[in-house]
Amino acid sequence: MAKYRLLGDVYTTGAHLLAGQIVNMPNDWIPPGCVDPIDADAVQSYWNAGVQISGPTIQRFVPLQQNPKIYWQPVGRPIDRYYQLTGAGAALGPRQLVNRGELP
């Protein structure tokens, strides 16, 4: 099981999970960009999901106690669109941002 801190509300497996919660999810779950991976399994799943740039999270009801520790940051030339995880995910290397709506 992979452990995440939710930075925004998440709808998954028929459930509405609220921001601020710490949740355990199966290792094959594809995490959205609005999570902070906590353990090694979560970091690997987050990296496998690819670059997802999540906008600023504004919490009206549940203030977050800390900023995410692992997130995507740009590396290299902006035109190449490569990103790398910070913190524990940095060792996994860079990934290229892919626009999922682009045709090959």
C-alpha atoms as a PDB file:
ATOM      1  CA  MET A   1       0.000   0.000   0.000  1.00  0.00           C
ATOM      2  CA  ALA A   2       1.214   3.475  -0.899  1.00  0.00           C
ATOM      3  CA  LYS A   3       0.673   6.361   1.516  1.00  0.00           C
ATOM      4  CA  TYR A   4      -0.304   9.873   0.356  1.00  0.00           C
ATOM      5  CA  ARG A   5      -1.305  13.183   1.904  1.00  0.00           C
ATOM      6  CA  LEU A   6      -4.139  14.716  -0.088  1.00  0.00           C
ATOM      7  CA  LEU A   7      -3.578  18.335  -1.128  1.00  0.00           C
ATOM      8  CA  GLY A   8      -7.023  18.594  -2.684  1.00  0.00           C
ATOM      9  CA  ASP A   9     -10.241  16.599  -2.659  1.00  0.00           C
ATOM     10  CA  VAL A  10      -9.972  13.323  -4.573  1.00  0.00           C
ATOM     11  CA  TYR A  11     -12.766  11.209  -6.027  1.00  0.00           C
ATOM     12  CA  THR A  12     -11.672   7.597  -6.371  1.00  0.00           C
ATOM     13  CA  THR A  13     -13.071   4.088  -6.084  1.00  0.00           C
ATOM     14  CA  GLY A  14     -16.522   5.539  -5.495  1.00  0.00           C
ATOM     15  CA  ALA A  15     -15.373   7.589  -2.525  1.00  0.00           C
ATOM     16  CA  HIS A  16     -14.889  11.302  -1.902  1.00  0.00           C
ATOM     17  CA  LEU A  17     -11.651  11.789   0.036  1.00  0.00           C
ATOM     18  CA  LEU A  18     -11.076  15.179   1.611  1.00  0.00           C
ATOM     19  CA  ALA A  19      -7.984  17.345   1.384  1.00  0.00           C
ATOM     20  CA  GLY A  20      -5.684  17.065   4.363  1.00  0.00           C
ATOM     21  CA  GLN A  21      -6.266  13.349   4.877  1.00  0.00           C
ATOM     22  CA  ILE A  22      -3.489  10.758   4.920  1.00  0.00           C
ATOM     23  CA  VAL A  23      -4.649   7.759   2.876  1.00  0.00           C
ATOM     24  CA  ASN A  24      -3.306   4.337   1.933  1.00  0.00           C
ATOM     25  CA  MET A  25      -3.952   3.377  -1.672  1.00  0.00           C
ATOM     26  CA  PRO A  26      -3.051   0.249  -3.672  1.00  0.00           C
ATOM     27  CA  ASN A  27       0.304   0.418  -5.454  1.00  0.00           C
ATOM     28  CA  ASP A  28      -1.427   0.215  -8.847  1.00  0.00           C
ATOM     29  CA  TRP A  29      -3.560   3.331  -8.143  1.00  0.00           C
ATOM     30  CA  ILE A  30      -2.652   6.215 -10.482  1.00  0.00           C
ATOM     31  CA  PRO A  31      -2.285   9.258  -8.238  1.00  0.00           C
ATOM     32  CA  PRO A  32      -3.470  12.679  -9.419  1.00  0.00           C
ATOM     33  CA  GLY A  33      -1.249  15.746  -9.211  1.00  0.00           C
ATOM     34  CA  CYS A  34      -2.912  16.974  -6.000  1.00  0.00           C
ATOM     35  CA  VAL A  35      -1.246  14.462  -3.670  1.00  0.00           C
ATOM     36  CA  ASP A  36       1.992  14.455  -1.692  1.00  0.00           C
ATOM     37  CA  PRO A  37       3.557  10.966  -1.765  1.00  0.00           C
ATOM     38  CA  ILE A  38       4.821   9.898   1.659  1.00  0.00           C
ATOM     39  CA  ASP A  39       6.480   6.487   1.301  1.00  0.00           C
ATOM     40  CA  ALA A  40       8.674   4.821  -1.355  1.00  0.00           C
ATOM     41  CA  ASP A  41       5.762   2.994  -3.018  1.00  0.00           C
ATOM     42  CA  ALA A  42       3.832   6.259  -3.329  1.00  0.00           C
ATOM     43  CA  VAL A  43       6.853   8.108  -4.759  1.00  0.00           C
ATOM     44  CA  GLN A  44       7.319   5.396  -7.392  1.00  0.00           C
ATOM     45  CA  SER A  45       3.614   5.437  -8.334  1.00  0.00           C
ATOM     46  CA  TYR A  46       3.655   9.246  -8.520  1.00  0.00           C
ATOM     47  CA  TRP A  47       6.694   9.152 -10.831  1.00  0.00           C
ATOM     48  CA  ASN A  48       5.139   6.362 -12.955  1.00  0.00           C
ATOM     49  CA  ALA A  49       2.007   8.495 -13.436  1.00  0.00           C
ATOM     50  CA  GLY A  50       4.166  11.095 -15.177  1.00  0.00           C
ATOM     51  CA  VAL A  51       4.395  14.846 -14.890  1.00  0.00           C
ATOM     52  CA  GLN A  52       1.199  16.422 -13.588  1.00  0.00           C
ATOM     53  CA  ILE A  53       1.366  20.083 -12.747  1.00  0.00           C
ATOM     54  CA  SER A  54      -1.172  20.861 -10.070  1.00  0.00           C
ATOM     55  CA  GLY A  55      -2.212  24.451  -9.550  1.00  0.00           C
ATOM     56  CA  PRO A  56      -2.090  26.145  -6.163  1.00  0.00           C
ATOM     57  CA  THR A  57      -4.363  24.426  -3.677  1.00  0.00           C
ATOM     58  CA  ILE A  58      -6.568  26.748  -1.681  1.00  0.00           C
ATOM     59  CA  GLN A  59      -8.219  25.147   1.289  1.00  0.00           C
ATOM     60  CA  ARG A  60     -11.284  26.847   2.696  1.00  0.00           C
ATOM     61  CA  PHE A  61     -12.164  24.305   5.347  1.00  0.00           C
ATOM     62  CA  VAL A  62      -9.039  22.246   6.081  1.00  0.00           C
ATOM     63  CA  PRO A  63      -5.843  24.313   6.154  1.00  0.00           C
ATOM     64  CA  LEU A  64      -2.776  22.314   5.194  1.00  0.00           C
ATOM     65  CA  GLN A  65      -0.106  22.240   7.847  1.00  0.00           C
ATOM     66  CA  GLN A  66       2.818  22.098   5.422  1.00  0.00           C
ATOM     67  CA  ASN A  67       3.726  22.430   1.764  1.00  0.00           C
ATOM     68  CA  PRO A  68       4.253  19.283  -0.309  1.00  0.00           C
ATOM     69  CA  LYS A  69       7.674  17.707   0.107  1.00  0.00           C
ATOM     70  CA  ILE A  70       7.680  15.946  -3.255  1.00  0.00           C
ATOM     71  CA  TYR A  71       6.531  17.739  -6.395  1.00  0.00           C
ATOM     72  CA  TRP A  72       7.536  18.203 -10.044  1.00  0.00           C
ATOM     73  CA  GLN A  73       9.954  21.031 -10.833  1.00  0.00           C
ATOM     74  CA  PRO A  74      11.338  22.015 -14.249  1.00  0.00           C
ATOM     75  CA  VAL A  75      14.907  21.064 -15.169  1.00  0.00           C
ATOM     76  CA  GLY A  76      16.956  22.002 -18.209  1.00  0.00           C
ATOM     77  CA  ARG A  77      15.696  24.180 -21.042  1.00  0.00           C
ATOM     78  CA  PRO A  78      12.011  25.170 -20.884  1.00  0.00           C
ATOM     79  CA  ILE A  79      11.480  24.203 -24.516  1.00  0.00           C
ATOM     80  CA  ASP A  80      12.379  20.558 -23.730  1.00  0.00           C
ATOM     81  CA  ARG A  81       9.690  20.398 -20.998  1.00  0.00           C
ATOM     82  CA  TYR A  82      11.591  18.088 -18.645  1.00  0.00           C
ATOM     83  CA  TYR A  83      10.618  17.863 -14.974  1.00  0.00           C
ATOM     84  CA  GLN A  84      12.078  16.051 -12.017  1.00  0.00           C
ATOM     85  CA  LEU A  85      10.628  15.220  -8.629  1.00  0.00           C
ATOM     86  CA  THR A  86      12.067  16.947  -5.587  1.00  0.00           C
ATOM     87  CA  GLY A  87      13.083  15.245  -2.360  1.00  0.00           C
ATOM     88  CA  ALA A  88      12.980  11.446  -2.269  1.00  0.00           C
ATOM     89  CA  GLY A  89      11.812  11.290  -5.893  1.00  0.00           C
ATOM     90  CA  ALA A  90      14.859  13.075  -7.348  1.00  0.00           C
ATOM     91  CA  ALA A  91      16.798   9.810  -7.698  1.00  0.00           C
ATOM     92  CA  LEU A  92      14.222   8.512 -10.212  1.00  0.00           C
ATOM     93  CA  GLY A  93      15.388  11.013 -12.829  1.00  0.00           C
ATOM     94  CA  PRO A  94      13.612  13.476 -15.124  1.00  0.00           C
ATOM     95  CA  ARG A  95      10.447  12.913 -17.155  1.00  0.00           C
ATOM     96  CA  GLN A  96       9.177  14.895 -20.114  1.00  0.00           C
ATOM     97  CA  LEU A  97       5.850  16.689 -19.879  1.00  0.00           C
ATOM     98  CA  VAL A  98       3.479  15.159 -22.414  1.00  0.00           C
ATOM     99  CA  ASN A  99       0.328  16.946 -23.499  1.00  0.00           C
ATOM    100  CA  ARG A 100      -2.164  14.114 -23.372  1.00  0.00           C
ATOM    101  CA  GLY A 101      -4.337  15.824 -26.001  1.00  0.00           C
ATOM    102  CA  GLU A 102      -1.598  16.093 -28.639  1.00  0.00           C
ATOM    103  CA  LEU A 103      -1.603  13.873 -31.686  1.00  0.00           C
ATOM    104  CA  PRO A 104       1.666  12.046 -32.487  1.00  0.00           C
END
